[in-house]
Amino acid sequence: MKAPAEYLDAPVLYLTYPTGEDAGQVPVVTYDDALRAVETALADAEKYKYLLLRALRRSYPSPSAAAEGEIRELYPGLAA
């Protein structure tokens, strides 16, 4: 999984006051670059969600294998 800063592949500008004085190294990106980064991050999140749910389905036994009314732990071995 990427770090948040890795989604920004655009140049980062630094904010200055209208007088040209430096505003304390405040990083600024354009709206379009930020929007593109958010869309990419959301697409990755959907991919990771799909992979996680698929892994959970594969690791959990099918409902037909469990007896009627039997309660099974979702994460066996993690009981305190």
PDB file of N, CA and C in Angstrom:
ATOM      1  N   MET A   1       0.843  -1.173   0.000  1.00  0.00           N
ATOM      2  CA  MET A   1       0.000   0.000   0.000  1.00  0.00           C
ATOM      3  C   MET A   1       0.891   1.241   0.000  1.00  0.00           C
ATOM      4  N   LYS A   2       0.465   2.233  -0.715  1.00  0.00           N
ATOM      5  CA  LYS A   2       1.253   3.456  -0.847  1.00  0.00           C
ATOM      6  C   LYS A   2       1.044   4.384   0.353  1.00  0.00           C
ATOM      7  N   ALA A   3       2.047   5.192   0.594  1.00  0.00           N
ATOM      8  CA  ALA A   3       1.913   6.275   1.568  1.00  0.00           C
ATOM      9  C   ALA A   3       1.127   7.407   0.903  1.00  0.00           C
ATOM     10  N   PRO A   4       0.430   8.245   1.675  1.00  0.00           N
ATOM     11  CA  PRO A   4      -0.362   9.313   1.055  1.00  0.00           C
ATOM     12  C   PRO A   4       0.436  10.219   0.116  1.00  0.00           C
ATOM     13  N   ALA A   5       1.660  10.531   0.455  1.00  0.00           N
ATOM     14  CA  ALA A   5       2.457  11.426  -0.389  1.00  0.00           C
ATOM     15  C   ALA A   5       2.820  10.798  -1.723  1.00  0.00           C
ATOM     16  N   GLU A   6       2.808   9.465  -1.802  1.00  0.00           N
ATOM     17  CA  GLU A   6       3.176   8.791  -3.049  1.00  0.00           C
ATOM     18  C   GLU A   6       2.098   8.926  -4.127  1.00  0.00           C
ATOM     19  N   TYR A   7       0.893   9.307  -3.752  1.00  0.00           N
ATOM     20  CA  TYR A   7      -0.164   9.492  -4.747  1.00  0.00           C
ATOM     21  C   TYR A   7      -0.004  10.809  -5.500  1.00  0.00           C
ATOM     22  N   LEU A   8       0.737  11.744  -4.943  1.00  0.00           N
ATOM     23  CA  LEU A   8       0.973  13.018  -5.615  1.00  0.00           C
ATOM     24  C   LEU A   8       2.202  12.894  -6.497  1.00  0.00           C
ATOM     25  N   ASP A   9       1.991  12.833  -7.793  1.00  0.00           N
ATOM     26  CA  ASP A   9       3.118  12.755  -8.713  1.00  0.00           C
ATOM     27  C   ASP A   9       3.323  14.086  -9.436  1.00  0.00           C
ATOM     28  N   ALA A  10       2.766  15.145  -8.859  1.00  0.00           N
ATOM     29  CA  ALA A  10       2.875  16.483  -9.442  1.00  0.00           C
ATOM     30  C   ALA A  10       3.837  17.323  -8.606  1.00  0.00           C
ATOM     31  N   PRO A  11       4.326  18.397  -9.184  1.00  0.00           N
ATOM     32  CA  PRO A  11       5.227  19.260  -8.404  1.00  0.00           C
ATOM     33  C   PRO A  11       4.489  19.917  -7.236  1.00  0.00           C
ATOM     34  N   VAL A  12       5.171  20.033  -6.137  1.00  0.00           N
ATOM     35  CA  VAL A  12       4.619  20.693  -4.955  1.00  0.00           C
ATOM     36  C   VAL A  12       5.173  22.107  -4.904  1.00  0.00           C
ATOM     37  N   LEU A  13       4.275  23.064  -4.857  1.00  0.00           N
ATOM     38  CA  LEU A  13       4.665  24.471  -4.800  1.00  0.00           C
ATOM     39  C   LEU A  13       4.696  24.907  -3.345  1.00  0.00           C
ATOM     40  N   TYR A  14       5.366  26.006  -3.069  1.00  0.00           N
ATOM     41  CA  TYR A  14       5.410  26.520  -1.706  1.00  0.00           C
ATOM     42  C   TYR A  14       4.760  27.888  -1.667  1.00  0.00           C
ATOM     43  N   LEU A  15       3.889  28.069  -0.714  1.00  0.00           N
ATOM     44  CA  LEU A  15       3.083  29.270  -0.580  1.00  0.00           C
ATOM     45  C   LEU A  15       3.952  30.473  -0.218  1.00  0.00           C
ATOM     46  N   THR A  16       3.668  31.575  -0.873  1.00  0.00           N
ATOM     47  CA  THR A  16       4.328  32.854  -0.536  1.00  0.00           C
ATOM     48  C   THR A  16       3.252  33.923  -0.384  1.00  0.00           C
ATOM     49  N   TYR A  17       3.572  34.946   0.360  1.00  0.00           N
ATOM     50  CA  TYR A  17       2.664  36.073   0.509  1.00  0.00           C
ATOM     51  C   TYR A  17       2.733  36.931  -0.753  1.00  0.00           C
ATOM     52  N   PRO A  18       1.714  37.776  -0.992  1.00  0.00           N
ATOM     53  CA  PRO A  18       1.746  38.641  -2.185  1.00  0.00           C
ATOM     54  C   PRO A  18       2.993  39.525  -2.265  1.00  0.00           C
ATOM     55  N   THR A  19       3.625  39.787  -1.143  1.00  0.00           N
ATOM     56  CA  THR A  19       4.844  40.605  -1.148  1.00  0.00           C
ATOM     57  C   THR A  19       6.052  39.803  -1.609  1.00  0.00           C
ATOM     58  N   GLY A  20       5.888  38.499  -1.792  1.00  0.00           N
ATOM     59  CA  GLY A  20       6.990  37.642  -2.204  1.00  0.00           C
ATOM     60  C   GLY A  20       7.694  36.987  -1.029  1.00  0.00           C
ATOM     61  N   GLU A  21       7.280  37.347   0.175  1.00  0.00           N
ATOM     62  CA  GLU A  21       7.872  36.785   1.382  1.00  0.00           C
ATOM     63  C   GLU A  21       7.415  35.333   1.556  1.00  0.00           C
ATOM     64  N   ASP A  22       8.311  34.481   2.006  1.00  0.00           N
ATOM     65  CA  ASP A  22       8.010  33.065   2.191  1.00  0.00           C
ATOM     66  C   ASP A  22       7.008  32.887   3.327  1.00  0.00           C
ATOM     67  N   ALA A  23       6.037  31.999   3.137  1.00  0.00           N
ATOM     68  CA  ALA A  23       4.985  31.786   4.129  1.00  0.00           C
ATOM     69  C   ALA A  23       5.285  30.605   5.038  1.00  0.00           C
ATOM     70  N   GLY A  24       6.533  30.274   5.222  1.00  0.00           N
ATOM     71  CA  GLY A  24       6.880  29.221   6.176  1.00  0.00           C
ATOM     72  C   GLY A  24       6.853  27.819   5.608  1.00  0.00           C
ATOM     73  N   GLN A  25       7.206  27.666   4.347  1.00  0.00           N
ATOM     74  CA  GLN A  25       7.298  26.346   3.714  1.00  0.00           C
ATOM     75  C   GLN A  25       5.983  25.564   3.798  1.00  0.00           C
ATOM     76  N   VAL A  26       4.894  26.167   3.415  1.00  0.00           N
ATOM     77  CA  VAL A  26       3.604  25.501   3.369  1.00  0.00           C
ATOM     78  C   VAL A  26       3.459  24.861   1.991  1.00  0.00           C
ATOM     79  N   PRO A  27       3.436  23.520   1.905  1.00  0.00           N
ATOM     80  CA  PRO A  27       3.311  22.891   0.585  1.00  0.00           C
ATOM     81  C   PRO A  27       1.906  23.077   0.005  1.00  0.00           C
ATOM     82  N   VAL A  28       1.852  23.344  -1.279  1.00  0.00           N
ATOM     83  CA  VAL A  28       0.582  23.587  -1.976  1.00  0.00           C
ATOM     84  C   VAL A  28       0.593  22.793  -3.272  1.00  0.00           C
ATOM     85  N   VAL A  29      -0.531  22.144  -3.582  1.00  0.00           N
ATOM     86  CA  VAL A  29      -0.695  21.457  -4.872  1.00  0.00           C
ATOM     87  C   VAL A  29      -1.923  22.033  -5.550  1.00  0.00           C
ATOM     88  N   THR A  30      -1.995  21.865  -6.848  1.00  0.00           N
ATOM     89  CA  THR A  30      -3.157  22.373  -7.573  1.00  0.00           C
ATOM     90  C   THR A  30      -4.363  21.491  -7.288  1.00  0.00           C
ATOM     91  N   TYR A  31      -5.533  22.057  -7.503  1.00  0.00           N
ATOM     92  CA  TYR A  31      -6.775  21.331  -7.262  1.00  0.00           C
ATOM     93  C   TYR A  31      -6.851  20.074  -8.131  1.00  0.00           C
ATOM     94  N   ASP A  32      -6.503  20.195  -9.400  1.00  0.00           N
ATOM     95  CA  ASP A  32      -6.565  19.056 -10.318  1.00  0.00           C
ATOM     96  C   ASP A  32      -5.621  17.931  -9.877  1.00  0.00           C
ATOM     97  N   ASP A  33      -4.411  18.292  -9.430  1.00  0.00           N
ATOM     98  CA  ASP A  33      -3.465  17.281  -8.971  1.00  0.00           C
ATOM     99  C   ASP A  33      -3.966  16.591  -7.706  1.00  0.00           C
ATOM    100  N   ALA A  34      -4.554  17.367  -6.790  1.00  0.00           N
ATOM    101  CA  ALA A  34      -5.095  16.791  -5.562  1.00  0.00           C
ATOM    102  C   ALA A  34      -6.275  15.873  -5.864  1.00  0.00           C
ATOM    103  N   LEU A  35      -7.135  16.298  -6.779  1.00  0.00           N
ATOM    104  CA  LEU A  35      -8.283  15.484  -7.159  1.00  0.00           C
ATOM    105  C   LEU A  35      -7.836  14.176  -7.807  1.00  0.00           C
ATOM    106  N   ARG A  36      -6.840  14.236  -8.674  1.00  0.00           N
ATOM    107  CA  ARG A  36      -6.309  13.033  -9.311  1.00  0.00           C
ATOM    108  C   ARG A  36      -5.711  12.085  -8.268  1.00  0.00           C
ATOM    109  N   ALA A  37      -5.013  12.636  -7.285  1.00  0.00           N
ATOM    110  CA  ALA A  37      -4.418  11.817  -6.231  1.00  0.00           C
ATOM    111  C   ALA A  37      -5.493  11.131  -5.388  1.00  0.00           C
ATOM    112  N   VAL A  38      -6.561  11.853  -5.075  1.00  0.00           N
ATOM    113  CA  VAL A  38      -7.656  11.274  -4.283  1.00  0.00           C
ATOM    114  C   VAL A  38      -8.356  10.172  -5.074  1.00  0.00           C
ATOM    115  N   GLU A  39      -8.601  10.396  -6.359  1.00  0.00           N
ATOM    116  CA  GLU A  39      -9.249   9.374  -7.186  1.00  0.00           C
ATOM    117  C   GLU A  39      -8.391   8.115  -7.285  1.00  0.00           C
ATOM    118  N   THR A  40      -7.082   8.290  -7.417  1.00  0.00           N
ATOM    119  CA  THR A  40      -6.180   7.139  -7.470  1.00  0.00           C
ATOM    120  C   THR A  40      -6.181   6.393  -6.147  1.00  0.00           C
ATOM    121  N   ALA A  41      -6.163   7.124  -5.039  1.00  0.00           N
ATOM    122  CA  ALA A  41      -6.181   6.498  -3.718  1.00  0.00           C
ATOM    123  C   ALA A  41      -7.475   5.729  -3.491  1.00  0.00           C
ATOM    124  N   LEU A  42      -8.605   6.284  -3.927  1.00  0.00           N
ATOM    125  CA  LEU A  42      -9.881   5.585  -3.780  1.00  0.00           C
ATOM    126  C   LEU A  42      -9.935   4.323  -4.633  1.00  0.00           C
ATOM    127  N   ALA A  43      -9.367   4.378  -5.832  1.00  0.00           N
ATOM    128  CA  ALA A  43      -9.322   3.184  -6.681  1.00  0.00           C
ATOM    129  C   ALA A  43      -8.466   2.103  -6.030  1.00  0.00           C
ATOM    130  N   ASP A  44      -7.340   2.498  -5.441  1.00  0.00           N
ATOM    131  CA  ASP A  44      -6.501   1.525  -4.736  1.00  0.00           C
ATOM    132  C   ASP A  44      -7.223   0.948  -3.530  1.00  0.00           C
ATOM    133  N   ALA A  45      -7.965   1.797  -2.814  1.00  0.00           N
ATOM    134  CA  ALA A  45      -8.711   1.322  -1.644  1.00  0.00           C
ATOM    135  C   ALA A  45      -9.743   0.277  -2.054  1.00  0.00           C
ATOM    136  N   GLU A  46     -10.418   0.491  -3.179  1.00  0.00           N
ATOM    137  CA  GLU A  46     -11.386  -0.493  -3.672  1.00  0.00           C
ATOM    138  C   GLU A  46     -10.688  -1.810  -4.010  1.00  0.00           C
ATOM    139  N   LYS A  47      -9.501  -1.712  -4.618  1.00  0.00           N
ATOM    140  CA  LYS A  47      -8.754  -2.918  -4.969  1.00  0.00           C
ATOM    141  C   LYS A  47      -8.361  -3.681  -3.710  1.00  0.00           C
ATOM    142  N   TYR A  48      -7.855  -2.961  -2.703  1.00  0.00           N
ATOM    143  CA  TYR A  48      -7.449  -3.622  -1.461  1.00  0.00           C
ATOM    144  C   TYR A  48      -8.647  -4.193  -0.728  1.00  0.00           C
ATOM    145  N   LYS A  49      -9.784  -3.499  -0.785  1.00  0.00           N
ATOM    146  CA  LYS A  49     -11.009  -4.007  -0.159  1.00  0.00           C
ATOM    147  C   LYS A  49     -11.413  -5.327  -0.821  1.00  0.00           C
ATOM    148  N   TYR A  50     -11.366  -5.358  -2.152  1.00  0.00           N
ATOM    149  CA  TYR A  50     -11.714  -6.571  -2.875  1.00  0.00           C
ATOM    150  C   TYR A  50     -10.773  -7.718  -2.497  1.00  0.00           C
ATOM    151  N   LEU A  51      -9.467  -7.433  -2.452  1.00  0.00           N
ATOM    152  CA  LEU A  51      -8.500  -8.479  -2.111  1.00  0.00           C
ATOM    153  C   LEU A  51      -8.693  -8.991  -0.692  1.00  0.00           C
ATOM    154  N   LEU A  52      -8.988  -8.086   0.256  1.00  0.00           N
ATOM    155  CA  LEU A  52      -9.211  -8.487   1.638  1.00  0.00           C
ATOM    156  C   LEU A  52     -10.461  -9.344   1.764  1.00  0.00           C
ATOM    157  N   LEU A  53     -11.548  -8.928   1.130  1.00  0.00           N
ATOM    158  CA  LEU A  53     -12.786  -9.709   1.204  1.00  0.00           C
ATOM    159  C   LEU A  53     -12.625 -11.070   0.545  1.00  0.00           C
ATOM    160  N   ARG A  54     -11.888 -11.129  -0.548  1.00  0.00           N
ATOM    161  CA  ARG A  54     -11.642 -12.415  -1.202  1.00  0.00           C
ATOM    162  C   ARG A  54     -10.830 -13.339  -0.300  1.00  0.00           C
ATOM    163  N   ALA A  55      -9.828 -12.789   0.367  1.00  0.00           N
ATOM    164  CA  ALA A  55      -9.018 -13.595   1.287  1.00  0.00           C
ATOM    165  C   ALA A  55      -9.856 -14.095   2.454  1.00  0.00           C
ATOM    166  N   LEU A  56     -10.747 -13.260   2.962  1.00  0.00           N
ATOM    167  CA  LEU A  56     -11.616 -13.699   4.057  1.00  0.00           C
ATOM    168  C   LEU A  56     -12.562 -14.802   3.604  1.00  0.00           C
ATOM    169  N   ARG A  57     -13.113 -14.650   2.400  1.00  0.00           N
ATOM    170  CA  ARG A  57     -14.017 -15.698   1.894  1.00  0.00           C
ATOM    171  C   ARG A  57     -13.287 -17.020   1.718  1.00  0.00           C
ATOM    172  N   ARG A  58     -12.064 -16.959   1.233  1.00  0.00           N
ATOM    173  CA  ARG A  58     -11.312 -18.195   1.003  1.00  0.00           C
ATOM    174  C   ARG A  58     -10.868 -18.855   2.299  1.00  0.00           C
ATOM    175  N   SER A  59     -10.639 -18.072   3.345  1.00  0.00           N
ATOM    176  CA  SER A  59     -10.161 -18.651   4.595  1.00  0.00           C
ATOM    177  C   SER A  59     -11.305 -19.132   5.481  1.00  0.00           C
ATOM    178  N   TYR A  60     -12.493 -18.678   5.228  1.00  0.00           N
ATOM    179  CA  TYR A  60     -13.647 -19.066   6.051  1.00  0.00           C
ATOM    180  C   TYR A  60     -14.343 -20.256   5.408  1.00  0.00           C
ATOM    181  N   PRO A  61     -14.688 -21.278   6.180  1.00  0.00           N
ATOM    182  CA  PRO A  61     -15.346 -22.454   5.589  1.00  0.00           C
ATOM    183  C   PRO A  61     -16.724 -22.097   5.019  1.00  0.00           C
ATOM    184  N   SER A  62     -17.156 -22.858   4.046  1.00  0.00           N
ATOM    185  CA  SER A  62     -18.447 -22.589   3.418  1.00  0.00           C
ATOM    186  C   SER A  62     -19.573 -22.833   4.417  1.00  0.00           C
ATOM    187  N   PRO A  63     -20.700 -22.139   4.266  1.00  0.00           N
ATOM    188  CA  PRO A  63     -21.817 -22.311   5.209  1.00  0.00           C
ATOM    189  C   PRO A  63     -22.355 -23.738   5.236  1.00  0.00           C
ATOM    190  N   SER A  64     -22.253 -24.460   4.123  1.00  0.00           N
ATOM    191  CA  SER A  64     -22.761 -25.833   4.109  1.00  0.00           C
ATOM    192  C   SER A  64     -21.892 -26.757   4.949  1.00  0.00           C
ATOM    193  N   ALA A  65     -20.630 -26.393   5.185  1.00  0.00           N
ATOM    194  CA  ALA A  65     -19.733 -27.216   5.992  1.00  0.00           C
ATOM    195  C   ALA A  65     -20.035 -27.076   7.477  1.00  0.00           C
ATOM    196  N   ALA A  66     -20.626 -25.973   7.874  1.00  0.00           N
ATOM    197  CA  ALA A  66     -20.946 -25.760   9.286  1.00  0.00           C
ATOM    198  C   ALA A  66     -22.310 -26.363   9.606  1.00  0.00           C
ATOM    199  N   ALA A  67     -22.434 -26.875  10.795  1.00  0.00           N
ATOM    200  CA  ALA A  67     -23.710 -27.453  11.240  1.00  0.00           C
ATOM    201  C   ALA A  67     -24.711 -26.315  11.477  1.00  0.00           C
ATOM    202  N   GLU A  68     -25.984 -26.655  11.401  1.00  0.00           N
ATOM    203  CA  GLU A  68     -27.033 -25.659  11.596  1.00  0.00           C
ATOM    204  C   GLU A  68     -26.953 -25.090  13.011  1.00  0.00           C
ATOM    205  N   GLY A  69     -26.869 -23.770  13.129  1.00  0.00           N
ATOM    206  CA  GLY A  69     -26.849 -23.116  14.427  1.00  0.00           C
ATOM    207  C   GLY A  69     -25.489 -23.094  15.098  1.00  0.00           C
ATOM    208  N   GLU A  70     -24.492 -23.663  14.481  1.00  0.00           N
ATOM    209  CA  GLU A  70     -23.154 -23.673  15.086  1.00  0.00           C
ATOM    210  C   GLU A  70     -22.517 -22.293  14.936  1.00  0.00           C
ATOM    211  N   ILE A  71     -21.868 -21.839  15.982  1.00  0.00           N
ATOM    212  CA  ILE A  71     -21.193 -20.555  15.949  1.00  0.00           C
ATOM    213  C   ILE A  71     -19.709 -20.809  15.767  1.00  0.00           C
ATOM    214  N   ARG A  72     -19.128 -20.162  14.765  1.00  0.00           N
ATOM    215  CA  ARG A  72     -17.698 -20.316  14.499  1.00  0.00           C
ATOM    216  C   ARG A  72     -17.011 -18.959  14.686  1.00  0.00           C
ATOM    217  N   GLU A  73     -15.776 -19.004  15.156  1.00  0.00           N
ATOM    218  CA  GLU A  73     -15.005 -17.773  15.296  1.00  0.00           C
ATOM    219  C   GLU A  73     -14.561 -17.312  13.920  1.00  0.00           C
ATOM    220  N   LEU A  74     -14.612 -16.009  13.703  1.00  0.00           N
ATOM    221  CA  LEU A  74     -14.147 -15.468  12.438  1.00  0.00           C
ATOM    222  C   LEU A  74     -12.630 -15.570  12.330  1.00  0.00           C
ATOM    223  N   TYR A  75     -11.946 -15.305  13.444  1.00  0.00           N
ATOM    224  CA  TYR A  75     -10.494 -15.382  13.492  1.00  0.00           C
ATOM    225  C   TYR A  75     -10.099 -16.392  14.575  1.00  0.00           C
ATOM    226  N   PRO A  76     -10.104 -17.686  14.272  1.00  0.00           N
ATOM    227  CA  PRO A  76      -9.748 -18.682  15.295  1.00  0.00           C
ATOM    228  C   PRO A  76      -8.312 -18.473  15.760  1.00  0.00           C
ATOM    229  N   GLY A  77      -8.093 -18.678  17.032  1.00  0.00           N
ATOM    230  CA  GLY A  77      -6.760 -18.541  17.586  1.00  0.00           C
ATOM    231  C   GLY A  77      -6.489 -17.171  18.166  1.00  0.00           C
ATOM    232  N   LEU A  78      -7.389 -16.220  17.941  1.00  0.00           N
ATOM    233  CA  LEU A  78      -7.191 -14.869  18.467  1.00  0.00           C
ATOM    234  C   LEU A  78      -7.979 -14.644  19.751  1.00  0.00           C
ATOM    235  N   ALA A  79      -8.636 -15.656  20.251  1.00  0.00           N
ATOM    236  CA  ALA A  79      -9.430 -15.511  21.470  1.00  0.00           C
ATOM    237  C   ALA A  79      -8.514 -15.182  22.646  1.00  0.00           C
ATOM    238  N   ALA A  80      -8.952 -14.268  23.460  1.00  0.00           N
ATOM    239  CA  ALA A  80      -8.115 -13.828  24.590  1.00  0.00           C
ATOM    240  C   ALA A  80      -8.230 -14.749  25.770  1.00  0.00           C
TER     241      ALA A  80
END
